[in-house]
Protein backbone atom coordinates (compact mmCIF):
# COMPACT_ATOMS: atom_id res chain seq x y z
CA MET A 1 0.03 0.04 0.04
CA GLU A 2 1.36 3.49 -0.82
CA LEU A 3 2.19 5.78 1.92
CA LEU A 4 1.75 9.35 1.62
CA ARG A 5 3.23 11.72 4.02
CA ILE A 6 1.59 15.05 5.33
CA GLY A 7 3.78 17.79 4.82
CA ALA A 8 6.20 16.13 2.14
CA PRO A 9 6.85 18.36 -0.80
CA LYS A 10 6.78 15.31 -2.94
CA ASP A 11 3.13 13.90 -1.77
CA ARG A 12 1.55 17.55 -1.59
CA ALA A 13 -0.08 16.91 -5.05
CA ARG A 14 -1.28 13.36 -4.59
CA LEU A 15 -2.63 14.42 -1.11
CA GLU A 16 -4.40 17.25 -2.85
CA ARG A 17 -5.93 14.81 -5.60
CA LEU A 18 -7.30 12.61 -2.83
CA ILE A 19 -9.15 15.23 -1.01
CA LYS A 20 -10.71 16.49 -4.17
CA ARG A 21 -11.47 12.72 -5.32
CA ARG A 22 -14.04 12.98 -8.22
CA SER A 23 -17.25 11.44 -7.55
CA VAL A 24 -18.82 11.90 -11.05
CA GLU A 25 -16.86 10.96 -14.39
CA PRO A 26 -17.92 12.84 -17.50
CA GLY A 27 -18.25 9.57 -19.68
CA ILE A 28 -20.76 8.25 -17.15
CA GLU A 29 -22.80 11.32 -16.96
CA ALA A 30 -23.26 11.53 -20.61
CA ARG A 31 -24.27 7.67 -20.38
CA VAL A 32 -26.60 8.41 -17.51
CA ARG A 33 -28.35 11.26 -19.13
CA LEU A 34 -29.50 9.09 -22.24
CA ILE A 35 -30.86 6.69 -19.63
CA VAL A 36 -32.87 9.23 -17.86
CA GLU A 37 -34.20 10.99 -21.00
CA ALA A 38 -35.19 7.68 -22.42
CA VAL A 39 -37.34 6.66 -19.29
CA ARG A 40 -38.91 10.13 -19.54
CA GLN A 41 -39.82 9.98 -23.06
CA ARG A 42 -40.92 6.41 -23.59
CA GLY A 43 -41.76 5.25 -19.81
CA ASP A 44 -42.35 1.53 -19.46
CA ALA A 45 -40.83 0.50 -22.57
CA ALA A 46 -37.31 2.16 -21.50
CA LEU A 47 -37.66 0.49 -17.93
CA ILE A 48 -38.17 -3.14 -19.53
CA GLN A 49 -35.40 -2.44 -22.20
CA PHE A 50 -32.80 -1.43 -19.49
CA THR A 51 -33.64 -4.14 -17.28
CA ARG A 52 -33.15 -6.57 -19.77
CA GLN A 53 -30.07 -4.80 -20.91
CA PHE A 54 -28.35 -4.27 -17.38
CA ASP A 55 -29.76 -7.08 -15.19
CA GLY A 56 -30.54 -9.73 -17.95
CA VAL A 57 -34.35 -9.95 -16.75
CA LYS A 58 -37.30 -9.72 -18.94
CA LEU A 59 -40.24 -7.73 -17.62
CA SER A 60 -43.53 -6.95 -19.02
CA PRO A 61 -45.55 -3.60 -17.68
CA SER A 62 -47.55 -6.09 -15.32
CA ARG A 63 -44.25 -7.33 -14.02
CA ILE A 64 -42.37 -4.11 -13.16
CA ARG A 65 -44.30 -3.75 -9.60
CA LEU A 66 -44.54 -6.71 -7.54
CA SER A 67 -47.84 -8.03 -6.15
CA ARG A 68 -48.82 -8.02 -2.88
CA ARG A 69 -48.64 -11.86 -2.89
CA GLU A 70 -45.23 -11.92 -4.10
CA ILE A 71 -43.97 -9.57 -1.37
CA GLU A 72 -45.36 -11.90 1.22
CA ALA A 73 -43.89 -15.02 -0.38
CA GLY A 74 -40.46 -13.29 -0.42
CA ARG A 75 -40.98 -12.62 3.13
CA ASP A 76 -41.99 -16.06 4.09
CA ALA A 77 -38.86 -17.16 2.40
CA ALA A 78 -36.54 -15.12 4.55
CA SER A 79 -34.98 -17.25 7.44
CA PRO A 80 -36.50 -16.73 10.80
CA ALA A 81 -33.26 -15.84 12.21
CA LEU A 82 -32.89 -12.88 9.65
CA VAL A 83 -36.51 -11.76 10.44
CA ARG A 84 -35.65 -11.58 14.17
CA ALA A 85 -32.49 -9.67 13.28
CA LEU A 86 -34.48 -7.26 11.18
CA LYS A 87 -37.20 -6.70 13.80
CA ALA A 88 -34.52 -5.79 16.28
CA VAL A 89 -32.56 -3.55 14.09
CA LYS A 90 -35.99 -1.69 13.26
CA ARG A 91 -36.52 -1.08 17.04
CA ASN A 92 -32.64 0.55 16.95
CA VAL A 93 -33.48 2.57 14.09
CA GLU A 94 -36.92 3.74 15.36
CA GLU A 95 -35.47 4.58 19.01
CA TYR A 96 -32.74 6.91 17.15
CA HIS A 97 -34.78 8.48 14.97
CA ARG A 98 -37.70 9.53 17.31
CA ARG A 99 -35.38 11.77 19.05
CA GLN A 100 -34.96 13.73 15.66
CA ARG A 101 -38.70 14.53 15.43
CA ARG A 102 -39.79 18.26 15.25
CA THR A 103 -42.52 20.10 16.87
CA SER A 104 -44.33 23.05 15.40
CA TRP A 105 -43.88 26.16 17.27
CA THR A 106 -45.17 29.75 17.42
CA MET A 107 -43.66 33.00 18.97
CA ARG A 108 -44.98 36.46 19.31
CA ALA A 109 -42.29 38.76 17.82
CA ARG A 110 -41.16 42.24 18.79
CA SER A 111 -43.43 43.95 15.81
CA GLY A 112 -46.27 41.90 17.43
CA ALA A 113 -46.70 39.70 14.70
CA ARG A 114 -47.36 35.74 15.43
CA LEU A 115 -44.60 33.78 13.63
CA GLY A 116 -43.92 30.09 13.63
CA GLU A 117 -43.17 26.93 11.78
CA ARG A 118 -45.34 23.97 10.95
CA PHE A 119 -43.55 20.51 10.17
CA VAL A 120 -45.62 18.65 7.54
CA PRO A 121 -44.42 15.19 6.34
CA LEU A 122 -44.10 14.50 2.60
CA GLY A 123 -46.91 12.52 1.05
CA ARG A 124 -44.89 10.04 -1.13
CA VAL A 125 -41.27 8.72 -1.03
CA GLY A 126 -39.20 6.71 -2.94
CA VAL A 127 -36.56 4.48 -1.57
CA TYR A 128 -33.82 3.23 -3.62
CA VAL A 129 -32.21 -0.22 -2.50
CA PRO A 130 -29.32 -1.46 -3.97
CA GLY A 131 -29.55 -5.40 -4.81
CA GLY A 132 -27.32 -6.35 -7.68
CA VAL A 133 -24.09 -7.77 -6.28
CA ALA A 134 -25.10 -7.35 -2.52
CA PRO A 135 -29.00 -7.09 -1.53
CA LEU A 136 -28.83 -4.10 0.95
CA VAL A 137 -31.38 -5.48 3.29
CA SER A 138 -30.52 -2.94 6.12
CA THR A 139 -30.97 -0.01 3.46
CA VAL A 140 -34.80 -0.76 3.73
CA LEU A 141 -34.92 -0.09 7.27
CA MET A 142 -32.52 2.74 7.13
CA CYS A 143 -34.45 4.54 4.92
CA ALA A 144 -38.19 3.58 5.49
CA VAL A 145 -38.25 3.67 9.34
CA PRO A 146 -37.11 7.35 9.35
CA ALA A 147 -39.68 8.18 6.79
CA ARG A 148 -42.41 6.42 8.76
CA VAL A 149 -41.34 7.99 11.96
CA ALA A 150 -41.70 11.40 10.27
CA GLY A 151 -45.16 10.52 9.17
CA VAL A 152 -44.87 9.83 5.60
CA ALA A 153 -48.08 7.91 4.40
CA GLU A 154 -46.67 6.14 1.02
CA VAL A 155 -43.09 4.66 1.20
CA VAL A 156 -42.39 2.86 -2.04
CA VAL A 157 -39.06 0.67 -2.70
CA THR A 158 -37.33 0.18 -6.09
CA THR A 159 -34.52 -2.37 -6.02
CA PRO A 160 -32.83 -4.32 -9.06
CA PRO A 161 -34.25 -7.98 -9.39
CA GLY A 162 -31.48 -10.29 -8.36
CA LYS A 163 -29.33 -12.80 -10.43
CA ARG A 164 -32.31 -15.09 -10.88
CA GLY A 165 -34.48 -12.46 -11.54
CA ARG A 166 -36.02 -12.26 -8.18
CA VAL A 167 -35.97 -9.57 -5.41
CA ALA A 168 -33.84 -10.94 -2.31
CA PRO A 169 -36.22 -12.31 0.17
CA GLY A 170 -34.41 -10.23 2.78
CA ILE A 171 -35.32 -7.02 0.96
CA LEU A 172 -39.04 -8.19 0.81
CA ALA A 173 -38.98 -9.00 4.52
CA ALA A 174 -37.77 -5.75 5.62
CA CYS A 175 -40.49 -4.20 3.18
CA ALA A 176 -43.24 -6.09 4.92
CA LEU A 177 -41.70 -4.85 8.30
CA CYS A 178 -41.89 -1.47 7.30
CA GLY A 179 -45.54 -1.48 5.73
CA VAL A 180 -44.11 -1.03 2.28
CA GLU A 181 -46.59 -2.56 -0.25
CA GLU A 182 -45.31 -0.78 -3.33
CA VAL A 183 -42.41 -2.58 -4.65
CA TYR A 184 -40.54 -2.23 -7.98
CA GLN A 185 -38.15 -4.75 -9.24
CA MET A 186 -35.78 -2.38 -11.15
CA GLY A 187 -32.64 -0.83 -10.50
CA GLY A 188 -29.94 1.68 -11.80
CA ALA A 189 -30.36 5.07 -13.38
CA HIS A 190 -33.83 4.02 -15.07
CA ALA A 191 -35.20 3.30 -11.76
CA VAL A 192 -34.28 6.81 -10.46
CA ALA A 193 -35.77 8.38 -13.58
CA SER A 194 -39.03 6.48 -13.02
CA LEU A 195 -39.48 7.73 -9.77
CA ALA A 196 -38.89 11.14 -10.65
CA TYR A 197 -40.95 11.36 -13.93
CA GLY A 198 -43.24 8.51 -13.54
CA THR A 199 -44.30 6.21 -16.08
CA PRO A 200 -47.76 4.25 -16.80
CA SER A 201 -46.57 1.61 -14.09
CA VAL A 202 -44.95 3.78 -11.65
CA THR A 203 -46.41 6.58 -9.85
CA PRO A 204 -43.91 9.49 -9.36
CA VAL A 205 -42.58 10.49 -5.83
CA GLU A 206 -41.81 13.92 -3.92
CA LYS A 207 -38.44 12.61 -3.06
CA ILE A 208 -35.88 10.18 -3.49
CA VAL A 209 -33.74 8.68 -0.89
CA GLY A 210 -31.12 5.96 -0.46
CA PRO A 211 -27.65 4.90 -1.72
CA GLY A 212 -26.43 3.63 -4.83
CA ASN A 213 -23.56 3.15 -7.13
CA ILE A 214 -22.11 5.91 -9.38
CA PHE A 215 -24.66 5.72 -12.13
CA VAL A 216 -27.59 5.95 -9.44
CA THR A 217 -25.89 8.91 -7.82
CA THR A 218 -25.40 10.31 -11.16
CA ALA A 219 -29.21 9.91 -12.11
CA LYS A 220 -30.34 11.48 -8.81
CA ARG A 221 -28.19 14.53 -9.69
CA LEU A 222 -29.62 14.72 -13.18
CA VAL A 223 -33.36 14.74 -12.09
CA TYR A 224 -32.95 17.07 -9.16
CA GLY A 225 -35.61 19.60 -9.31
CA ALA A 226 -38.26 17.28 -10.84
CA VAL A 227 -37.91 15.43 -7.55
CA GLY A 228 -36.51 16.06 -3.99
CA LEU A 229 -33.39 14.29 -3.20
CA ASP A 230 -31.62 13.61 0.01
CA ALA A 231 -27.68 13.94 -0.50
CA PRO A 232 -25.14 12.59 -2.72
CA TYR A 233 -24.69 8.99 -1.34
CA GLY A 234 -22.12 7.30 -3.78
CA PRO A 235 -19.49 4.49 -3.44
CA SER A 236 -18.44 3.84 0.18
CA GLU A 237 -15.80 5.48 2.10
CA VAL A 238 -13.81 4.98 5.31
CA LEU A 239 -11.15 7.23 6.92
CA VAL A 240 -9.52 5.46 9.90
CA ILE A 241 -7.49 7.72 12.36
CA ALA A 242 -5.17 5.50 14.33
CA ASP A 243 -2.04 5.89 16.47
CA GLY A 244 0.58 3.25 17.46
CA ALA A 245 -1.78 1.78 20.14
CA ALA A 246 -4.37 0.47 17.61
CA ASP A 247 -4.69 -2.89 16.70
CA PRO A 248 -3.46 -3.54 13.15
CA HIS A 249 -5.94 -6.36 12.43
CA TRP A 250 -8.77 -4.40 13.50
CA VAL A 251 -7.90 -1.63 11.46
CA ALA A 252 -7.12 -3.71 8.36
CA ALA A 253 -10.54 -5.61 8.89
CA ASP A 254 -12.42 -2.20 8.73
CA ILE A 255 -10.63 -1.21 5.64
CA VAL A 256 -11.29 -4.57 3.73
CA SER A 257 -14.96 -4.35 4.88
CA GLN A 258 -15.34 -0.95 2.99
CA VAL A 259 -13.57 -1.87 -0.07
CA GLU A 260 -15.55 -5.13 -0.09
CA HIS A 261 -18.10 -3.62 -2.25
CA GLY A 262 -15.79 -4.14 -5.13
CA THR A 263 -17.17 -1.30 -7.55
CA GLY A 264 -13.65 0.29 -7.87
CA TYR A 265 -14.71 3.44 -6.74
CA GLU A 266 -14.51 3.22 -2.94
CA PHE A 267 -11.96 5.02 -0.93
CA ALA A 268 -10.25 3.62 2.25
CA VAL A 269 -7.83 5.78 3.98
CA LEU A 270 -5.76 5.22 7.03
CA VAL A 271 -4.27 8.45 8.53
CA THR A 272 -1.66 7.39 11.22
CA THR A 273 0.63 8.66 13.37
CA SER A 274 2.80 5.83 13.37
CA THR A 275 4.69 4.22 10.14
CA ARG A 276 5.10 1.06 12.13
CA LEU A 277 1.32 0.53 12.49
CA ALA A 278 1.05 1.37 8.78
CA GLU A 279 3.39 -1.47 7.70
CA ARG A 280 1.55 -4.01 10.20
CA VAL A 281 -1.83 -2.98 8.70
CA SER A 282 -0.56 -3.43 5.13
CA LYS A 283 0.51 -7.04 5.86
CA GLU A 284 -2.89 -7.77 7.65
CA ILE A 285 -4.93 -6.32 4.59
CA GLY A 286 -2.89 -8.65 2.37
CA VAL A 287 -3.93 -11.58 4.33
CA LEU A 288 -7.55 -10.80 4.70
CA LEU A 289 -7.49 -10.25 1.09
CA ASP A 290 -6.11 -13.70 0.39
CA GLU A 291 -8.78 -15.34 2.72
CA LEU A 292 -11.48 -13.60 0.30
CA SER A 293 -9.76 -15.52 -2.73
CA LEU A 294 -10.79 -12.91 -5.15
CA PRO A 295 -10.12 -12.94 -8.63
CA THR A 296 -6.82 -10.84 -9.69
CA ARG A 297 -8.89 -8.14 -11.37
CA LEU A 298 -11.40 -7.76 -8.32
CA ARG A 299 -8.50 -7.73 -6.04
CA ALA A 300 -6.52 -5.16 -7.85
CA ARG A 301 -9.62 -3.02 -7.95
CA GLN A 302 -10.12 -3.09 -4.24
CA GLU A 303 -6.57 -2.39 -3.63
CA ARG A 304 -6.67 0.72 -5.68
CA GLY A 305 -8.93 2.19 -3.45
CA ILE A 306 -6.68 2.04 -0.24
CA THR A 307 -4.26 4.71 0.83
CA PHE A 308 -1.94 5.37 3.87
CA VAL A 309 -1.28 8.62 5.29
CA ALA A 310 1.34 9.50 7.59
CA ALA A 311 0.57 12.50 9.96
CA PRO A 312 3.06 14.21 12.18
CA GLY A 313 0.81 14.22 14.91
CA MET A 314 -2.79 13.97 16.13
CA ARG A 315 -3.74 17.52 15.05
CA ALA A 316 -2.36 17.27 11.65
CA ALA A 317 -4.44 13.93 11.36
CA ILE A 318 -7.57 15.61 12.28
CA GLU A 319 -7.20 18.42 9.92
CA PHE A 320 -6.66 16.19 7.16
CA ALA A 321 -9.88 14.09 8.00
CA ASN A 322 -11.72 17.36 8.18
CA ALA A 323 -10.40 18.34 4.73
CA PHE A 324 -11.13 14.81 3.32
CA ALA A 325 -14.70 14.94 4.77
CA ALA A 326 -15.27 11.05 4.55
CA GLU A 327 -18.67 9.05 5.01
CA HIS A 328 -17.16 7.10 7.56
CA VAL A 329 -14.50 8.23 10.13
CA GLU A 330 -13.32 5.63 12.64
CA ILE A 331 -11.15 6.82 15.50
CA MET A 332 -8.93 3.92 17.05
CA ALA A 333 -6.66 6.04 19.09
CA ARG A 334 -5.69 6.81 22.92
CA ASP A 335 -8.79 9.25 24.06
CA ALA A 336 -10.40 8.56 21.17
CA ARG A 337 -13.75 10.68 22.47
CA ARG A 338 -11.51 13.77 22.66
CA VAL A 339 -10.11 13.28 19.20
CA SER A 340 -13.62 12.72 17.92
CA GLU A 341 -14.66 16.45 18.96
CA GLY A 342 -12.36 17.58 16.75
CA ILE A 343 -13.86 15.86 13.59
CA THR A 344 -16.31 18.75 12.09
CA SER A 345 -16.56 17.16 8.62
CA ALA A 346 -17.99 13.53 8.34
CA GLY A 347 -21.07 11.53 7.67
CA ALA A 348 -20.68 9.74 10.97
CA VAL A 349 -17.74 9.08 13.41
CA PHE A 350 -17.00 6.08 15.35
CA ILE A 351 -15.26 6.18 18.41
CA GLY A 352 -12.99 3.70 19.92
CA PRO A 353 -11.86 0.20 19.04
CA TYR A 354 -15.12 -1.37 19.66
CA SER A 355 -17.20 0.79 17.16
CA PRO A 356 -16.25 -0.49 13.77
CA VAL A 357 -18.44 0.94 10.68
CA ALA A 358 -20.27 -2.06 10.35
CA THR A 359 -22.25 -1.24 13.59
CA GLY A 360 -23.48 1.54 11.72
CA ASP A 361 -24.03 -0.14 8.58
CA PHE A 362 -26.32 -2.78 10.01
CA ALA A 363 -27.43 -2.15 13.46
CA ALA A 364 -26.65 0.81 15.72
CA GLY A 365 -29.55 3.07 14.94
CA PRO A 366 -28.35 6.18 12.94
CA SER A 367 -29.12 5.90 9.24
CA HIS A 368 -26.43 4.31 7.08
CA CYS A 369 -27.50 6.74 4.26
CA LEU A 370 -24.23 9.39 4.50
CA PRO A 371 -22.57 11.93 2.11
CA THR A 372 -19.83 10.58 0.18
CA GLY A 373 -17.15 12.15 -2.00
CA GLY A 374 -16.28 15.10 0.28
CA ALA A 375 -19.91 16.09 0.36
CA ALA A 376 -19.91 15.82 4.17
CA ARG A 377 -18.53 19.32 4.24
CA MET A 378 -21.93 20.45 3.61
CA PHE A 379 -24.43 17.72 3.74
CA SER A 380 -25.41 15.39 6.55
CA GLY A 381 -26.73 11.98 6.95
CA LEU A 382 -30.39 11.01 6.04
CA SER A 383 -32.80 11.95 9.04
CA VAL A 384 -36.34 12.79 10.01
CA ASP A 385 -35.91 16.08 8.61
CA ASP A 386 -35.26 14.77 5.29
CA PHE A 387 -38.80 13.78 5.14
CA VAL A 388 -40.79 16.71 6.27
CA ARG A 389 -41.52 20.14 4.77
CA ARG A 390 -40.73 23.18 7.28
CA VAL A 391 -43.53 25.79 6.48
CA SER A 392 -43.23 29.29 7.93
CA THR A 393 -46.31 30.97 9.37
CA ILE A 394 -46.76 34.76 9.36
CA GLU A 395 -49.83 36.44 11.06
CA CYS A 396 -49.91 40.15 11.43
CA SER A 397 -52.33 42.27 13.38
CA LYS A 398 -53.17 45.79 11.95
CA ALA A 399 -50.73 47.20 14.56
CA ALA A 400 -47.98 44.78 13.56
CA LEU A 401 -48.38 45.79 10.03
CA GLU A 402 -47.99 49.62 10.91
CA THR A 403 -44.92 48.37 12.63
CA LEU A 404 -43.48 46.62 9.69
CA ALA A 405 -44.63 48.80 7.13
CA PRO A 406 -41.69 51.34 7.14
CA LEU A 407 -39.30 48.37 6.74
CA VAL A 408 -41.14 47.22 4.00
CA GLU A 409 -41.30 50.60 2.19
CA GLU A 410 -37.72 51.06 2.69
CA LEU A 411 -36.50 47.69 1.36
CA ALA A 412 -38.89 47.63 -1.36
CA ASP A 413 -37.73 51.24 -2.59
CA ALA A 414 -34.05 49.92 -2.36
CA GLU A 415 -34.97 46.97 -4.57
CA ARG A 416 -37.01 48.85 -7.15
CA LEU A 417 -40.26 46.94 -6.27
CA PRO A 418 -42.74 49.63 -5.75
CA ALA A 419 -45.99 46.96 -5.78
CA HIS A 420 -44.61 45.57 -2.70
CA ALA A 421 -44.93 48.55 -0.83
CA ARG A 422 -48.14 49.43 -2.28
CA ALA A 423 -49.40 46.18 -0.84
CA VAL A 424 -48.81 47.40 2.64
CA ARG A 425 -49.67 50.97 1.99
CA ALA A 426 -53.34 49.74 0.81
CA ARG A 427 -54.28 48.21 3.79
CA LEU A 428 -53.09 51.00 6.00
CA GLU A 429 -54.67 53.73 3.95
CA ARG A 430 -58.26 52.37 4.11
C-alpha cells in the first residue's frame, strides 16, 4: 500500500487529489443522461429495455411492480433468524430517529406579529435499495423507518431483480416489516428516472432517498428539481485515524470491509501517526484479501482504493480528516472521544476500538445513508428532517403591520419593487 506523508513536498499534489476525489466521471454522466431521457420519453418501454440490458431480466409492464402476494412470499422465504434480526434493528433505528422529530412552534415577535413553523410530512417517498451484487437489506430499514417516524404516508421501494430475476427475500421481509406495499423490481439510473418522472406503471414520488452506485448517484443529480433528493450517497468510504496503540488487524478488517463492495470507486484511507502501524496494517490487509480468494482483477480494483497517510501528529491527522470529509470516520487512538470532538466534517464518526463502521452499516440506529465524495463538508446523513416540509407561518395584526410597514417600504424602494410597498400601504390607508 502506498504511504503519503502530510507535509512532504513530493506528496502534496497527490494528497490534494485524494481530498478532491471526483465522484462523477464525464463519460458516465453522458451515458446516464441518455438513460434518464429515454425513461422520461418512453416510460415503461425504456424500463423494460434497460432491465433486460443491465440485469438480464425480461419484464412486462405488469411485472414491473411486485404484487402483494409476491412480497408476502418473499417475506416468508426469509430465514427466521434474519427476520428476528430485522425486527431488532428496526427497533434500534426507530428509537434513534424518534429523537429527531420536530415540534411545530409559534412566537410573538417584537413587531407584534405571530410567527411560527409547522412541520408537515411528505406524502410519497421513493427508496432506492441496491440489490445487484449485494442485496442491501438494511437499507430498507435505514430509509423507510425514518420516513415512517416522520409521518410519510406512502413509502415505495425500488430495487434491482437479483441474478435469478427475483428480489432478495430479505429485502421483501424488511419491506413487509416497514409496511411497504409498493415494490418495483428495477434498479440503476432508469429506476431513479421512473420515480422522478413517472411512467404508466410507476407513480412519481416527491423525494428519492437511498444509496447507490455511481450511475444511481449521477441519475439522482440529473433529476434534481423534478423531485426532491437526500444527499450525494455514492460508493462507500472510510477514513481511519489511528495511533501506535491501535490493533493492526482490527484496522485492516475495517478497511477491507469498506472496499469489499468492489465497484472500484470506494475509498479507504488510514491516517496514522505511526509508520510502524501502517506497515503492520498493510500486511494484515494482504492476509485478509487472500482469505477472500478474490479474482486478480477484483483484488486489484479493491487495493486501488486503499491509501495510507502518515501524519506528524494527531492535530495534523484531524485536519486532514476534516479536509477529506469522509462518509465514515473511525477513531482508533488513545482518548478517542477527545479526538472525535475535533472532527467537524464526516457523515458519521465511530469512536473507539469497539465501534467498527459495520455497526453503523447494519444495526446501531443512525441511518447508514451518508454523504460521500467530500460532500460531508456541506451535507448530513439521512434523518427525519429529510421527510418533512418546514412551513413558515406569519400572522400580522393591523398594529403589527403598521410596525413593519416602514421597513417594507424602505427595502422595497431599495430593490425597486414599488408594488410590494403598495400592497402594505393599501391596507393601512383604507
